[in-house]
Amino acid sequence: MIPQGFAAPNAALNSTINRGNALSKKLSALGIIVTGMEINPVGPVTAMIPLAGITVPNAEAQGVGPDDPVHLLFDYIGSEGITPEVAVIEQLLAPGTVSAVVALFTGLFPSLTTAGAEGRALAALANLAPVVAALLTALG
């Protein structure tokens, strides 16, 4: 059961702690380090919490379970305080294409130039073992 005020009114933005942790692993494979994950309460509960969000352990202590749909935010090194939604990042990653990864870097790191985002995305992809294996196969 989700404590009142923890589910986002926009169901498309609701995630779970498990999904958030799984997304952290996917991002770490691309060299994107998650520095913090917090639940962003909505509605009247936000007035009772002094900061923008609440840490996952504190939310769990208040009854939010790993499989409860909750409103999760992430912080990234170099993201200049941008905290994109789990659902948004999942949608960016879902196509699994090079352009999707470039879009992910562009979205997460707004200070990067287009060339910088493409460079980081390609470097990240080049460091993934399956990509390297596919390239070696394709290059014969």
C-alpha atoms as a PDB file:
ATOM      1  CA  MET A   1       0.000   0.000   0.000  1.00  0.00           C
ATOM      2  CA  ILE A   2       1.396   3.391  -0.972  1.00  0.00           C
ATOM      3  CA  PRO A   3       1.301   6.034   1.751  1.00  0.00           C
ATOM      4  CA  GLN A   4      -0.830   9.002   0.718  1.00  0.00           C
ATOM      5  CA  GLY A   5       1.062  11.571  -1.287  1.00  0.00           C
ATOM      6  CA  PHE A   6       3.793   9.313  -2.678  1.00  0.00           C
ATOM      7  CA  ALA A   7       2.244   8.329  -6.008  1.00  0.00           C
ATOM      8  CA  ALA A   8       2.517  10.900  -8.758  1.00  0.00           C
ATOM      9  CA  PRO A   9      -0.796  12.195 -10.122  1.00  0.00           C
ATOM     10  CA  ASN A  10       0.548  11.511 -13.618  1.00  0.00           C
ATOM     11  CA  ALA A  11       0.592   7.705 -13.805  1.00  0.00           C
ATOM     12  CA  ALA A  12       3.110   7.836 -16.676  1.00  0.00           C
ATOM     13  CA  LEU A  13       5.696   9.199 -14.229  1.00  0.00           C
ATOM     14  CA  ASN A  14       5.137   6.544 -11.572  1.00  0.00           C
ATOM     15  CA  SER A  15       7.938   4.062 -11.159  1.00  0.00           C
ATOM     16  CA  THR A  16       9.055   1.582  -8.513  1.00  0.00           C
ATOM     17  CA  ILE A  17      12.166   1.302  -6.395  1.00  0.00           C
ATOM     18  CA  ASN A  18      12.970  -1.950  -8.211  1.00  0.00           C
ATOM     19  CA  ARG A  19      12.670  -0.256 -11.613  1.00  0.00           C
ATOM     20  CA  GLY A  20      14.823   2.581 -10.356  1.00  0.00           C
ATOM     21  CA  ASN A  21      17.536   0.194  -9.215  1.00  0.00           C
ATOM     22  CA  ALA A  22      17.403  -1.693 -12.513  1.00  0.00           C
ATOM     23  CA  LEU A  23      17.712   1.584 -14.398  1.00  0.00           C
ATOM     24  CA  SER A  24      20.728   2.541 -12.268  1.00  0.00           C
ATOM     25  CA  LYS A  25      22.462  -0.656 -13.415  1.00  0.00           C
ATOM     26  CA  LYS A  26      21.703   0.053 -17.080  1.00  0.00           C
ATOM     27  CA  LEU A  27      23.024   3.585 -16.765  1.00  0.00           C
ATOM     28  CA  SER A  28      26.184   2.447 -14.980  1.00  0.00           C
ATOM     29  CA  ALA A  29      26.902   0.183 -17.950  1.00  0.00           C
ATOM     30  CA  LEU A  30      26.958   3.357 -20.052  1.00  0.00           C
ATOM     31  CA  GLY A  31      29.264   5.101 -17.621  1.00  0.00           C
ATOM     32  CA  ILE A  32      26.522   7.248 -16.076  1.00  0.00           C
ATOM     33  CA  ILE A  33      26.898   7.176 -12.310  1.00  0.00           C
ATOM     34  CA  VAL A  34      23.792   7.708 -10.219  1.00  0.00           C
ATOM     35  CA  THR A  35      24.774   9.784  -7.200  1.00  0.00           C
ATOM     36  CA  GLY A  36      21.422   9.682  -5.450  1.00  0.00           C
ATOM     37  CA  MET A  37      17.908   8.394  -5.826  1.00  0.00           C
ATOM     38  CA  GLU A  38      14.980   9.902  -4.030  1.00  0.00           C
ATOM     39  CA  ILE A  39      11.232   9.657  -4.011  1.00  0.00           C
ATOM     40  CA  ASN A  40       9.459  12.891  -4.787  1.00  0.00           C
ATOM     41  CA  PRO A  41       6.221  13.034  -2.785  1.00  0.00           C
ATOM     42  CA  VAL A  42       3.378  15.003  -4.321  1.00  0.00           C
ATOM     43  CA  GLY A  43       0.403  16.901  -3.006  1.00  0.00           C
ATOM     44  CA  PRO A  44      -0.055  17.859   0.649  1.00  0.00           C
ATOM     45  CA  VAL A  45       2.790  15.599   1.830  1.00  0.00           C
ATOM     46  CA  THR A  46       5.372  17.859   0.175  1.00  0.00           C
ATOM     47  CA  ALA A  47       4.522  20.646   2.632  1.00  0.00           C
ATOM     48  CA  MET A  48       5.583  18.377   5.501  1.00  0.00           C
ATOM     49  CA  ILE A  49       8.952  17.524   3.937  1.00  0.00           C
ATOM     50  CA  PRO A  50      11.476  20.382   3.935  1.00  0.00           C
ATOM     51  CA  LEU A  51      13.441  19.203   0.885  1.00  0.00           C
ATOM     52  CA  ALA A  52      12.285  18.447  -2.647  1.00  0.00           C
ATOM     53  CA  GLY A  53      12.324  14.713  -2.055  1.00  0.00           C
ATOM     54  CA  ILE A  54      12.830  11.941   0.440  1.00  0.00           C
ATOM     55  CA  THR A  55      15.506   9.260   0.283  1.00  0.00           C
ATOM     56  CA  VAL A  56      14.477   5.755  -0.679  1.00  0.00           C
ATOM     57  CA  PRO A  57      15.351   4.295   2.773  1.00  0.00           C
ATOM     58  CA  ASN A  58      13.235   6.967   4.498  1.00  0.00           C
ATOM     59  CA  ALA A  59      10.365   6.326   2.110  1.00  0.00           C
ATOM     60  CA  GLU A  60      10.605   2.601   2.784  1.00  0.00           C
ATOM     61  CA  ALA A  61      10.509   3.355   6.522  1.00  0.00           C
ATOM     62  CA  GLN A  62       7.241   5.198   5.896  1.00  0.00           C
ATOM     63  CA  GLY A  63       5.755   2.185   4.138  1.00  0.00           C
ATOM     64  CA  VAL A  64       6.732   2.564   0.492  1.00  0.00           C
ATOM     65  CA  GLY A  65       7.629  -0.916  -0.737  1.00  0.00           C
ATOM     66  CA  PRO A  66      10.039  -1.814  -3.549  1.00  0.00           C
ATOM     67  CA  ASP A  67       7.147  -2.762  -5.831  1.00  0.00           C
ATOM     68  CA  ASP A  68       4.896   0.177  -4.987  1.00  0.00           C
ATOM     69  CA  PRO A  69       4.506   2.676  -7.819  1.00  0.00           C
ATOM     70  CA  VAL A  70       6.280   5.827  -6.653  1.00  0.00           C
ATOM     71  CA  HIS A  71       7.617   9.057  -8.142  1.00  0.00           C
ATOM     72  CA  LEU A  72      11.390   8.560  -8.396  1.00  0.00           C
ATOM     73  CA  LEU A  73      14.087  11.086  -9.243  1.00  0.00           C
ATOM     74  CA  PHE A  74      17.774  10.596  -9.973  1.00  0.00           C
ATOM     75  CA  ASP A  75      20.834  12.815  -9.646  1.00  0.00           C
ATOM     76  CA  TYR A  76      23.820  12.362 -11.939  1.00  0.00           C
ATOM     77  CA  ILE A  77      27.419  13.503 -11.809  1.00  0.00           C
ATOM     78  CA  GLY A  78      27.724  16.420 -14.220  1.00  0.00           C
ATOM     79  CA  SER A  79      24.011  16.825 -14.775  1.00  0.00           C
ATOM     80  CA  GLU A  80      23.947  20.300 -13.207  1.00  0.00           C
ATOM     81  CA  GLY A  81      21.162  19.371 -10.823  1.00  0.00           C
ATOM     82  CA  ILE A  82      18.855  17.987 -13.496  1.00  0.00           C
ATOM     83  CA  THR A  83      16.715  15.236 -12.013  1.00  0.00           C
ATOM     84  CA  PRO A  84      14.933  13.495 -14.884  1.00  0.00           C
ATOM     85  CA  GLU A  85      12.131  11.034 -14.283  1.00  0.00           C
ATOM     86  CA  VAL A  86      12.748   7.293 -14.336  1.00  0.00           C
ATOM     87  CA  ALA A  87       9.990   6.855 -16.917  1.00  0.00           C
ATOM     88  CA  VAL A  88      11.516   9.484 -19.203  1.00  0.00           C
ATOM     89  CA  ILE A  89      14.953   7.853 -19.078  1.00  0.00           C
ATOM     90  CA  GLU A  90      13.434   4.429 -19.699  1.00  0.00           C
ATOM     91  CA  GLN A  91      11.663   5.790 -22.778  1.00  0.00           C
ATOM     92  CA  LEU A  92      14.910   7.278 -24.063  1.00  0.00           C
ATOM     93  CA  LEU A  93      16.757   3.983 -23.581  1.00  0.00           C
ATOM     94  CA  ALA A  94      13.957   1.728 -24.811  1.00  0.00           C
ATOM     95  CA  PRO A  95      14.715   1.869 -28.556  1.00  0.00           C
ATOM     96  CA  GLY A  96      18.226   0.556 -27.874  1.00  0.00           C
ATOM     97  CA  THR A  97      19.679   2.445 -30.816  1.00  0.00           C
ATOM     98  CA  VAL A  98      22.749   4.673 -31.070  1.00  0.00           C
ATOM     99  CA  SER A  99      20.517   7.702 -31.593  1.00  0.00           C
ATOM    100  CA  ALA A 100      18.565   6.762 -28.440  1.00  0.00           C
ATOM    101  CA  VAL A 101      21.778   6.670 -26.400  1.00  0.00           C
ATOM    102  CA  VAL A 102      22.868  10.023 -27.881  1.00  0.00           C
ATOM    103  CA  ALA A 103      19.442  11.453 -26.956  1.00  0.00           C
ATOM    104  CA  LEU A 104      19.903  10.077 -23.436  1.00  0.00           C
ATOM    105  CA  PHE A 105      23.247  11.856 -22.998  1.00  0.00           C
ATOM    106  CA  THR A 106      21.841  15.057 -24.487  1.00  0.00           C
ATOM    107  CA  GLY A 107      18.865  14.933 -22.131  1.00  0.00           C
ATOM    108  CA  LEU A 108      20.805  14.082 -18.981  1.00  0.00           C
ATOM    109  CA  PHE A 109      23.728  16.441 -19.552  1.00  0.00           C
ATOM    110  CA  PRO A 110      22.406  19.717 -20.975  1.00  0.00           C
ATOM    111  CA  SER A 111      25.830  21.376 -20.779  1.00  0.00           C
ATOM    112  CA  LEU A 112      27.192  19.006 -23.429  1.00  0.00           C
ATOM    113  CA  THR A 113      27.369  20.256 -27.008  1.00  0.00           C
ATOM    114  CA  THR A 114      25.854  18.062 -29.701  1.00  0.00           C
ATOM    115  CA  ALA A 115      29.330  16.791 -30.569  1.00  0.00           C
ATOM    116  CA  GLY A 116      30.094  16.224 -26.885  1.00  0.00           C
ATOM    117  CA  ALA A 117      26.920  14.219 -26.347  1.00  0.00           C
ATOM    118  CA  GLU A 118      27.620  12.124 -29.433  1.00  0.00           C
ATOM    119  CA  GLY A 119      31.221  11.573 -28.345  1.00  0.00           C
ATOM    120  CA  ARG A 120      30.255  10.434 -24.859  1.00  0.00           C
ATOM    121  CA  ALA A 121      27.509   8.184 -26.195  1.00  0.00           C
ATOM    122  CA  LEU A 122      29.793   6.535 -28.743  1.00  0.00           C
ATOM    123  CA  ALA A 123      32.559   6.098 -26.159  1.00  0.00           C
ATOM    124  CA  ALA A 124      30.086   4.514 -23.747  1.00  0.00           C
ATOM    125  CA  LEU A 125      28.787   2.166 -26.433  1.00  0.00           C
ATOM    126  CA  ALA A 126      32.304   1.239 -27.512  1.00  0.00           C
ATOM    127  CA  ASN A 127      33.047   0.097 -23.952  1.00  0.00           C
ATOM    128  CA  LEU A 128      30.113  -2.327 -23.855  1.00  0.00           C
ATOM    129  CA  ALA A 129      31.275  -5.905 -24.495  1.00  0.00           C
ATOM    130  CA  PRO A 130      28.274  -6.880 -26.695  1.00  0.00           C
ATOM    131  CA  VAL A 131      28.848  -3.827 -28.889  1.00  0.00           C
ATOM    132  CA  VAL A 132      32.548  -4.607 -29.239  1.00  0.00           C
ATOM    133  CA  ALA A 133      31.736  -8.216 -30.165  1.00  0.00           C
ATOM    134  CA  ALA A 134      29.191  -7.076 -32.756  1.00  0.00           C
ATOM    135  CA  LEU A 135      31.673  -4.623 -34.263  1.00  0.00           C
ATOM    136  CA  LEU A 136      34.405  -7.247 -34.477  1.00  0.00           C
ATOM    137  CA  THR A 137      31.983  -9.634 -36.173  1.00  0.00           C
ATOM    138  CA  ALA A 138      30.791  -6.962 -38.602  1.00  0.00           C
ATOM    139  CA  LEU A 139      34.348  -5.906 -39.450  1.00  0.00           C
ATOM    140  CA  GLY A 140      35.320  -9.502 -40.113  1.00  0.00           C
END
